[in-house]
Amino acid sequence: MASSNKSVLFVCLGNICRSPIAEAVFRKLATERGVVDQWVIDSAAVSDWNVGRFADARAQSCLRKHDIETAHKARQVTNDDFASFEHILCMDESNLRDLNRRASKAKNCRSKVDLLGSYDPHKQLIIEDPYYGGDEDFETVYQQCVRCCKAFLEKNS
C-alpha cells in the first residue's frame, strides 16, 4: 500500500451484508468525488463463517437498485489489517469489542477502530444486521451507510 493513500476497512460479523454495502457505497462516493485513487478501500468479517462467499443476494440486489455493483468476496480480519489500515469502521458494539480485543494483540497497530455509525448525522450509532430481515432492512442499512460514508469522507478529505 502506498503511504500517500488513505485507507478504510469496513467490518461486520460475516462480511456478506453490512460491510460489503458500506465498502461499495464508500467506493462509489469516493469515485464521484474523484478521490477513489487516494484510498485503499476494503471490507472484512470478525468471523470466518462466510470466507470466500459473495455478498448476500439481498445486499447485492439493494446495491444494484442504487446502481452499484460489487464483486467482493468475504474475508476475515487479519492481524496485518491493524497495521495497514488507517481506519477500521464497524457496525455494532459486538464488532467493536471483537476488533478492540484483536487490535490490543496486533503488532504495529495503527488503526483507529470506531463505529461507522459514529459519523451518522442522524445519530444512529448502530447499523443493525439485516440478515434475518427483509428487503426494507437492507435498504435501511444502505441509507445509513450513505449518510455515514458521506460524513466520514468529508471529514477525511
C-alpha atoms as a PDB file:
ATOM      1  CA  MET A   1       0.000   0.000   0.000  1.00  0.00           C
ATOM      2  CA  ALA A   2       1.375   3.414  -0.937  1.00  0.00           C
ATOM      3  CA  SER A   3       1.984   5.524   2.129  1.00  0.00           C
ATOM      4  CA  SER A   4       0.284   8.514   0.471  1.00  0.00           C
ATOM      5  CA  ASN A   5      -3.000   6.601   0.319  1.00  0.00           C
ATOM      6  CA  LYS A   6      -5.667   6.866   2.970  1.00  0.00           C
ATOM      7  CA  SER A   7      -7.264   3.586   3.965  1.00  0.00           C
ATOM      8  CA  VAL A   8     -10.506   2.283   5.404  1.00  0.00           C
ATOM      9  CA  LEU A   9     -11.692  -1.214   6.253  1.00  0.00           C
ATOM     10  CA  PHE A  10     -15.414  -1.745   6.904  1.00  0.00           C
ATOM     11  CA  VAL A  11     -16.194  -4.647   9.245  1.00  0.00           C
ATOM     12  CA  CYS A  12     -19.283  -6.598  10.290  1.00  0.00           C
ATOM     13  CA  LEU A  13     -19.926 -10.080  11.621  1.00  0.00           C
ATOM     14  CA  GLY A  14     -19.892 -12.100   8.387  1.00  0.00           C
ATOM     15  CA  ASN A  15     -18.826  -9.659   5.635  1.00  0.00           C
ATOM     16  CA  ILE A  16     -21.818 -10.529   3.450  1.00  0.00           C
ATOM     17  CA  CYS A  17     -24.368  -7.822   4.361  1.00  0.00           C
ATOM     18  CA  ARG A  18     -23.418  -4.588   6.112  1.00  0.00           C
ATOM     19  CA  SER A  19     -19.686  -4.225   5.461  1.00  0.00           C
ATOM     20  CA  PRO A  20     -19.810  -5.013   1.710  1.00  0.00           C
ATOM     21  CA  ILE A  21     -22.644  -2.472   1.393  1.00  0.00           C
ATOM     22  CA  ALA A  22     -20.548   0.119   3.242  1.00  0.00           C
ATOM     23  CA  GLU A  23     -17.478  -0.693   1.130  1.00  0.00           C
ATOM     24  CA  ALA A  24     -19.419  -0.374  -2.146  1.00  0.00           C
ATOM     25  CA  VAL A  25     -21.146   2.847  -1.042  1.00  0.00           C
ATOM     26  CA  PHE A  26     -17.868   4.417   0.063  1.00  0.00           C
ATOM     27  CA  ARG A  27     -16.142   3.397  -3.181  1.00  0.00           C
ATOM     28  CA  LYS A  28     -18.968   4.990  -5.215  1.00  0.00           C
ATOM     29  CA  LEU A  29     -18.876   8.210  -3.177  1.00  0.00           C
ATOM     30  CA  ALA A  30     -15.081   8.431  -3.458  1.00  0.00           C
ATOM     31  CA  THR A  31     -15.332   7.784  -7.214  1.00  0.00           C
ATOM     32  CA  GLU A  32     -17.971  10.504  -7.629  1.00  0.00           C
ATOM     33  CA  ARG A  33     -15.701  12.943  -5.761  1.00  0.00           C
ATOM     34  CA  GLY A  34     -12.722  11.969  -7.887  1.00  0.00           C
ATOM     35  CA  VAL A  35     -10.681  10.790  -4.902  1.00  0.00           C
ATOM     36  CA  VAL A  36     -11.030   6.990  -5.152  1.00  0.00           C
ATOM     37  CA  ASP A  37      -7.377   6.704  -6.277  1.00  0.00           C
ATOM     38  CA  GLN A  38      -6.329   8.266  -2.974  1.00  0.00           C
ATOM     39  CA  TRP A  39      -7.959   5.476  -0.943  1.00  0.00           C
ATOM     40  CA  VAL A  40      -7.441   1.812  -0.173  1.00  0.00           C
ATOM     41  CA  ILE A  41     -10.977   0.511   0.497  1.00  0.00           C
ATOM     42  CA  ASP A  42     -11.946  -2.975   1.667  1.00  0.00           C
ATOM     43  CA  SER A  43     -14.293  -4.862   3.972  1.00  0.00           C
ATOM     44  CA  ALA A  44     -13.942  -7.903   6.201  1.00  0.00           C
ATOM     45  CA  ALA A  45     -15.611 -10.003   8.897  1.00  0.00           C
ATOM     46  CA  VAL A  46     -14.829 -10.636  12.535  1.00  0.00           C
ATOM     47  CA  SER A  47     -15.971 -14.259  12.000  1.00  0.00           C
ATOM     48  CA  ASP A  48     -14.755 -16.836   9.499  1.00  0.00           C
ATOM     49  CA  TRP A  49     -18.223 -18.196   8.680  1.00  0.00           C
ATOM     50  CA  ASN A  50     -18.562 -16.810   5.151  1.00  0.00           C
ATOM     51  CA  VAL A  51     -14.960 -16.573   3.933  1.00  0.00           C
ATOM     52  CA  GLY A  52     -14.895 -16.776   0.138  1.00  0.00           C
ATOM     53  CA  ARG A  53     -18.603 -16.090  -0.350  1.00  0.00           C
ATOM     54  CA  PHE A  54     -20.038 -13.209  -2.350  1.00  0.00           C
ATOM     55  CA  ALA A  55     -22.263 -10.642  -0.632  1.00  0.00           C
ATOM     56  CA  ASP A  56     -25.752 -11.809   0.324  1.00  0.00           C
ATOM     57  CA  ALA A  57     -28.087 -11.752  -2.699  1.00  0.00           C
ATOM     58  CA  ARG A  58     -30.334  -9.222  -0.926  1.00  0.00           C
ATOM     59  CA  ALA A  59     -27.367  -6.918  -0.306  1.00  0.00           C
ATOM     60  CA  GLN A  60     -26.378  -7.171  -3.966  1.00  0.00           C
ATOM     61  CA  SER A  61     -29.967  -6.505  -5.053  1.00  0.00           C
ATOM     62  CA  CYS A  62     -30.151  -3.440  -2.809  1.00  0.00           C
ATOM     63  CA  LEU A  63     -26.887  -2.098  -4.205  1.00  0.00           C
ATOM     64  CA  ARG A  64     -27.981  -2.739  -7.816  1.00  0.00           C
ATOM     65  CA  LYS A  65     -31.184  -0.816  -7.110  1.00  0.00           C
ATOM     66  CA  HIS A  66     -28.884   2.152  -6.411  1.00  0.00           C
ATOM     67  CA  ASP A  67     -26.692   1.500  -9.488  1.00  0.00           C
ATOM     68  CA  ILE A  68     -23.816  -0.007  -7.504  1.00  0.00           C
ATOM     69  CA  GLU A  69     -22.144  -3.319  -8.306  1.00  0.00           C
ATOM     70  CA  THR A  70     -19.878  -5.336  -6.036  1.00  0.00           C
ATOM     71  CA  ALA A  71     -17.830  -8.468  -6.634  1.00  0.00           C
ATOM     72  CA  HIS A  72     -16.392  -8.529  -3.098  1.00  0.00           C
ATOM     73  CA  LYS A  73     -15.815 -11.929  -1.543  1.00  0.00           C
ATOM     74  CA  ALA A  74     -15.978 -12.239   2.226  1.00  0.00           C
ATOM     75  CA  ARG A  75     -12.747 -12.424   4.181  1.00  0.00           C
ATOM     76  CA  GLN A  76     -11.836 -12.357   7.844  1.00  0.00           C
ATOM     77  CA  VAL A  77      -9.961  -9.507   9.509  1.00  0.00           C
ATOM     78  CA  THR A  78      -6.248 -10.298   9.835  1.00  0.00           C
ATOM     79  CA  ASN A  79      -3.635  -9.013  12.261  1.00  0.00           C
ATOM     80  CA  ASP A  80      -1.980  -7.249   9.314  1.00  0.00           C
ATOM     81  CA  ASP A  81      -5.139  -5.186   8.794  1.00  0.00           C
ATOM     82  CA  PHE A  82      -4.448  -3.374  12.068  1.00  0.00           C
ATOM     83  CA  ALA A  83      -1.036  -2.314  10.779  1.00  0.00           C
ATOM     84  CA  SER A  84      -2.098  -1.421   7.246  1.00  0.00           C
ATOM     85  CA  PHE A  85      -5.497   0.295   7.587  1.00  0.00           C
ATOM     86  CA  GLU A  86      -5.714   3.801   8.981  1.00  0.00           C
ATOM     87  CA  HIS A  87      -9.432   3.417   9.810  1.00  0.00           C
ATOM     88  CA  ILE A  88     -11.370   0.282  10.720  1.00  0.00           C
ATOM     89  CA  LEU A  89     -15.072   1.080  10.908  1.00  0.00           C
ATOM     90  CA  CYS A  90     -17.533  -1.495  12.223  1.00  0.00           C
ATOM     91  CA  MET A  91     -21.286  -1.800  12.546  1.00  0.00           C
ATOM     92  CA  ASP A  92     -22.169  -2.610  16.172  1.00  0.00           C
ATOM     93  CA  GLU A  93     -20.831  -2.922  19.722  1.00  0.00           C
ATOM     94  CA  SER A  94     -20.086  -6.624  19.357  1.00  0.00           C
ATOM     95  CA  ASN A  95     -17.896  -5.941  16.296  1.00  0.00           C
ATOM     96  CA  LEU A  96     -16.222  -3.102  18.181  1.00  0.00           C
ATOM     97  CA  ARG A  97     -15.404  -5.308  21.200  1.00  0.00           C
ATOM     98  CA  ASP A  98     -14.009  -8.047  18.963  1.00  0.00           C
ATOM     99  CA  LEU A  99     -11.898  -5.596  16.972  1.00  0.00           C
ATOM    100  CA  ASN A 100     -10.557  -3.786  20.033  1.00  0.00           C
ATOM    101  CA  ARG A 101      -9.574  -7.127  21.553  1.00  0.00           C
ATOM    102  CA  ARG A 102      -7.749  -8.088  18.337  1.00  0.00           C
ATOM    103  CA  ALA A 103      -6.143  -4.644  17.996  1.00  0.00           C
ATOM    104  CA  SER A 104      -4.655  -4.859  21.502  1.00  0.00           C
ATOM    105  CA  LYS A 105      -2.808  -8.034  20.429  1.00  0.00           C
ATOM    106  CA  ALA A 106      -1.776  -6.871  16.947  1.00  0.00           C
ATOM    107  CA  LYS A 107       1.794  -5.773  16.350  1.00  0.00           C
ATOM    108  CA  ASN A 108       2.288  -2.266  14.947  1.00  0.00           C
ATOM    109  CA  CYS A 109      -1.393  -1.393  15.298  1.00  0.00           C
ATOM    110  CA  ARG A 110      -2.006   1.991  13.690  1.00  0.00           C
ATOM    111  CA  SER A 111      -5.727   1.631  13.044  1.00  0.00           C
ATOM    112  CA  LYS A 112      -8.338   3.869  14.560  1.00  0.00           C
ATOM    113  CA  VAL A 113     -11.159   1.428  15.349  1.00  0.00           C
ATOM    114  CA  ASP A 114     -14.602   3.014  15.585  1.00  0.00           C
ATOM    115  CA  LEU A 115     -18.270   2.523  14.796  1.00  0.00           C
ATOM    116  CA  LEU A 116     -19.248   3.638  11.298  1.00  0.00           C
ATOM    117  CA  GLY A 117     -22.418   4.992  12.920  1.00  0.00           C
ATOM    118  CA  SER A 118     -20.339   7.487  14.908  1.00  0.00           C
ATOM    119  CA  TYR A 119     -20.308   9.526  11.673  1.00  0.00           C
ATOM    120  CA  ASP A 120     -24.087   9.432  11.209  1.00  0.00           C
ATOM    121  CA  PRO A 121     -25.573  12.947  11.152  1.00  0.00           C
ATOM    122  CA  HIS A 122     -28.858  11.331  12.307  1.00  0.00           C
ATOM    123  CA  LYS A 123     -27.007   9.948  15.362  1.00  0.00           C
ATOM    124  CA  GLN A 124     -27.980   6.312  14.693  1.00  0.00           C
ATOM    125  CA  LEU A 125     -24.873   4.756  16.178  1.00  0.00           C
ATOM    126  CA  ILE A 126     -25.642   1.107  15.414  1.00  0.00           C
ATOM    127  CA  ILE A 127     -26.139  -0.356  11.946  1.00  0.00           C
ATOM    128  CA  GLU A 128     -28.303  -3.395  12.663  1.00  0.00           C
ATOM    129  CA  ASP A 129     -27.661  -6.699  10.914  1.00  0.00           C
ATOM    130  CA  PRO A 130     -30.342  -7.130   8.203  1.00  0.00           C
ATOM    131  CA  TYR A 131     -29.577 -10.830   7.636  1.00  0.00           C
ATOM    132  CA  TYR A 132     -32.759 -12.131   9.299  1.00  0.00           C
ATOM    133  CA  GLY A 133     -34.882  -9.283   7.952  1.00  0.00           C
ATOM    134  CA  GLY A 134     -36.340  -8.307   4.629  1.00  0.00           C
ATOM    135  CA  ASP A 135     -35.521  -6.005   1.742  1.00  0.00           C
ATOM    136  CA  GLU A 136     -36.535  -2.952   3.792  1.00  0.00           C
ATOM    137  CA  ASP A 137     -33.866  -3.812   6.376  1.00  0.00           C
ATOM    138  CA  PHE A 138     -31.188  -3.890   3.658  1.00  0.00           C
ATOM    139  CA  GLU A 139     -32.462  -0.534   2.399  1.00  0.00           C
ATOM    140  CA  THR A 140     -32.173   0.881   5.934  1.00  0.00           C
ATOM    141  CA  VAL A 141     -28.556  -0.347   6.115  1.00  0.00           C
ATOM    142  CA  TYR A 142     -27.860   1.189   2.694  1.00  0.00           C
ATOM    143  CA  GLN A 143     -29.280   4.584   3.709  1.00  0.00           C
ATOM    144  CA  GLN A 144     -27.307   4.562   6.984  1.00  0.00           C
ATOM    145  CA  CYS A 145     -24.132   3.666   5.084  1.00  0.00           C
ATOM    146  CA  VAL A 146     -24.693   6.518   2.616  1.00  0.00           C
ATOM    147  CA  ARG A 147     -25.079   9.067   5.425  1.00  0.00           C
ATOM    148  CA  CYS A 148     -22.135   7.734   7.441  1.00  0.00           C
ATOM    149  CA  CYS A 149     -19.783   7.264   4.486  1.00  0.00           C
ATOM    150  CA  LYS A 150     -20.507  10.786   3.176  1.00  0.00           C
ATOM    151  CA  ALA A 151     -19.728  12.277   6.589  1.00  0.00           C
ATOM    152  CA  PHE A 152     -16.609  10.112   7.023  1.00  0.00           C
ATOM    153  CA  LEU A 153     -15.343  11.039   3.541  1.00  0.00           C
ATOM    154  CA  GLU A 154     -15.940  14.759   4.155  1.00  0.00           C
ATOM    155  CA  LYS A 155     -14.069  14.580   7.467  1.00  0.00           C
ATOM    156  CA  ASN A 156     -11.141  12.698   5.916  1.00  0.00           C
ATOM    157  CA  SER A 157     -10.717  14.503   2.594  1.00  0.00           C
END
